[in-house]
Amino acid sequence: MRLIELLTLQTAVYLKQQRQTEARAALEEAVRLGQPGGWIFPFLETGSALIPLLESLRRQNVCPDYVGRILDAIGPGNKQTAVSPLAEELTYREQDVLALLAQEMSNREIAGQLVISPHTVKRHVANLSRKLDAPNRRQAVAKAKQLGLL
């Protein structure tokens, strides 16, 4: 997910520098990387600046359904734009843990993947449950998907 975030930020920088070709290439790579996991949030952070390029990608049939979901989330008046404040409250490590929870990994498996202790994973899961107002890890994942965080 971090690579997707970096690519969307790189796209924004290229757009400010009026380097359209590089911006489009970076965004296309981000879309192709994000599509299998259905990631939406990394694109929300950059926001409406991406709309023209995303529409161009959709017209050129680059992951059109996925790009449509991103555009819907970015679009004005969309309910999912309210996700941003919550998502900004999640630390990078919590986002990593959340992504692995979505893969139905145990605390021990997540700890091994992230090279942290199982106790630390348990603390991150508790923080995620609190922030997402979910009583358990499964509902935290379900709520994160509903909010477009996954």
Protein backbone atom coordinates (compact mmCIF):
# COMPACT_ATOMS: atom_id res chain seq x y z
CA MET A 1 0.00 0.00 0.00
CA ARG A 2 2.86 2.39 0.70
CA LEU A 3 4.09 2.12 -2.88
CA ILE A 4 0.60 3.06 -4.06
CA GLU A 5 0.63 6.06 -1.71
CA LEU A 6 4.04 7.12 -3.00
CA LEU A 7 2.94 6.79 -6.61
CA THR A 8 -0.17 8.92 -6.03
CA LEU A 9 1.94 11.58 -4.31
CA GLN A 10 4.44 11.40 -7.16
CA THR A 11 1.53 11.88 -9.55
CA ALA A 12 0.50 15.04 -7.68
CA VAL A 13 4.07 16.38 -7.87
CA TYR A 14 4.25 15.69 -11.60
CA LEU A 15 0.91 17.44 -12.08
CA LYS A 16 2.17 20.54 -10.25
CA GLN A 17 5.25 20.48 -12.49
CA GLN A 18 2.96 20.15 -15.52
CA ARG A 19 4.57 16.84 -16.48
CA GLN A 20 1.42 15.12 -17.69
CA THR A 21 3.06 12.07 -19.26
CA GLU A 22 4.97 11.17 -16.09
CA ALA A 23 1.89 11.89 -13.94
CA ARG A 24 -0.24 9.57 -16.03
CA ALA A 25 2.38 6.80 -15.95
CA ALA A 26 2.75 7.02 -12.16
CA LEU A 27 -1.01 7.02 -11.63
CA GLU A 28 -1.52 4.12 -14.00
CA GLU A 29 1.06 2.08 -12.07
CA ALA A 30 -0.65 2.98 -8.78
CA VAL A 31 -4.02 1.90 -10.20
CA ARG A 32 -2.64 -1.39 -11.49
CA LEU A 33 -1.00 -2.11 -8.11
CA GLY A 34 -4.07 -1.09 -6.11
CA GLN A 35 -6.69 -2.88 -8.15
CA PRO A 36 -6.09 -6.47 -6.89
CA GLY A 37 -6.53 -5.36 -3.27
CA GLY A 38 -9.23 -2.81 -4.03
CA TRP A 39 -7.29 -0.03 -2.28
CA ILE A 40 -9.16 3.27 -2.29
CA PHE A 41 -7.70 5.37 0.51
CA PRO A 42 -4.29 6.11 -1.05
CA PHE A 43 -6.09 7.89 -3.89
CA LEU A 44 -8.34 9.83 -1.51
CA GLU A 45 -5.34 11.44 0.16
CA THR A 46 -4.33 13.15 -3.08
CA GLY A 47 -7.95 13.89 -3.90
CA SER A 48 -9.59 15.80 -6.70
CA ALA A 49 -6.33 16.65 -8.48
CA LEU A 50 -6.38 13.07 -9.78
CA ILE A 51 -9.87 13.21 -11.27
CA PRO A 52 -8.93 14.23 -14.85
CA LEU A 53 -6.21 11.59 -15.08
CA LEU A 54 -8.41 8.91 -13.53
CA GLU A 55 -11.17 9.71 -16.02
CA SER A 56 -8.61 9.45 -18.81
CA LEU A 57 -7.48 6.03 -17.54
CA ARG A 58 -11.07 4.84 -17.36
CA ARG A 59 -11.76 6.01 -20.94
CA GLN A 60 -8.67 4.08 -22.06
CA ASN A 61 -10.03 0.97 -20.33
CA VAL A 62 -7.36 0.80 -17.61
CA CYS A 63 -9.09 -1.08 -14.76
CA PRO A 64 -12.33 0.80 -15.53
CA ASP A 65 -14.48 -0.64 -12.70
CA TYR A 66 -11.80 -0.01 -10.09
CA VAL A 67 -11.07 3.50 -11.39
CA GLY A 68 -14.82 4.16 -11.25
CA ARG A 69 -14.87 3.19 -7.57
CA ILE A 70 -11.96 5.55 -6.90
CA LEU A 71 -13.71 8.36 -8.74
CA ASP A 72 -16.92 7.72 -6.81
CA ALA A 73 -14.99 7.92 -3.54
CA ILE A 74 -13.21 11.15 -4.52
CA GLY A 75 -16.30 12.77 -6.04
CA PRO A 76 -18.08 15.65 -4.34
CA GLY A 77 -20.88 14.76 -1.95
CA ASN A 78 -19.79 11.15 -1.71
CA LYS A 79 -20.33 9.58 1.69
CA GLN A 80 -16.90 7.96 1.63
CA THR A 81 -15.10 11.29 1.62
CA ALA A 82 -15.97 11.40 5.33
CA VAL A 83 -13.52 8.51 5.75
CA SER A 84 -10.46 10.71 5.44
CA PRO A 85 -10.38 12.00 9.03
CA LEU A 86 -10.70 8.47 10.42
CA ALA A 87 -8.14 7.07 8.03
CA GLU A 88 -5.71 9.84 8.94
CA GLU A 89 -6.00 8.72 12.56
CA LEU A 90 -4.70 5.27 11.65
CA THR A 91 -0.94 4.98 11.93
CA TYR A 92 1.02 3.36 9.13
CA ARG A 93 1.57 0.32 11.34
CA GLU A 94 -2.15 0.10 12.10
CA GLN A 95 -2.85 0.23 8.37
CA ASP A 96 -0.34 -2.60 7.88
CA VAL A 97 -1.97 -4.68 10.64
CA LEU A 98 -5.43 -3.96 9.21
CA ALA A 99 -4.37 -5.16 5.77
CA LEU A 100 -3.03 -8.39 7.25
CA LEU A 101 -6.15 -8.85 9.39
CA ALA A 102 -8.13 -8.67 6.16
CA GLN A 103 -6.09 -11.66 4.98
CA GLU A 104 -7.34 -13.52 8.09
CA MET A 105 -3.87 -13.82 9.60
CA SER A 106 -3.43 -14.64 13.28
CA ASN A 107 -1.61 -12.28 15.65
CA ARG A 108 1.42 -14.59 15.54
CA GLU A 109 1.43 -14.59 11.72
CA ILE A 110 1.07 -10.81 11.60
CA ALA A 111 3.90 -10.45 14.13
CA GLY A 112 6.14 -12.62 11.96
CA GLN A 113 5.25 -10.71 8.82
CA LEU A 114 5.86 -7.27 10.39
CA VAL A 115 8.76 -8.37 12.63
CA ILE A 116 7.05 -7.20 15.83
CA SER A 117 5.88 -9.07 18.92
CA PRO A 118 2.46 -10.74 19.13
CA HIS A 119 1.74 -8.47 22.11
CA THR A 120 2.35 -5.41 19.91
CA VAL A 121 0.00 -6.83 17.29
CA LYS A 122 -2.63 -7.34 19.98
CA ARG A 123 -2.25 -3.69 21.00
CA HIS A 124 -2.61 -2.53 17.37
CA VAL A 125 -5.73 -4.70 16.94
CA ALA A 126 -7.22 -3.18 20.10
CA ASN A 127 -6.47 0.34 18.80
CA LEU A 128 -8.01 -0.50 15.43
CA SER A 129 -11.14 -1.89 17.09
CA ARG A 130 -11.46 1.27 19.17
CA LYS A 131 -10.88 3.65 16.25
CA LEU A 132 -13.26 1.75 13.98
CA ASP A 133 -15.80 1.30 16.77
CA ALA A 134 -15.83 -2.44 16.24
CA PRO A 135 -16.10 -5.06 19.00
CA ASN A 136 -13.72 -7.55 17.36
CA ARG A 137 -11.16 -7.95 14.59
CA ARG A 138 -13.60 -9.38 12.04
CA GLN A 139 -15.98 -6.49 12.44
CA ALA A 140 -13.06 -4.05 12.32
CA VAL A 141 -12.11 -5.49 8.92
CA ALA A 142 -15.72 -5.37 7.73
CA LYS A 143 -16.09 -1.75 8.82
CA ALA A 144 -12.75 -0.81 7.20
CA LYS A 145 -13.96 -2.33 3.92
CA GLN A 146 -17.27 -0.50 4.22
CA LEU A 147 -15.42 2.78 4.75
CA GLY A 148 -13.08 2.21 1.81
CA LEU A 149 -9.98 1.76 3.96
CA LEU A 150 -9.34 -1.66 2.46
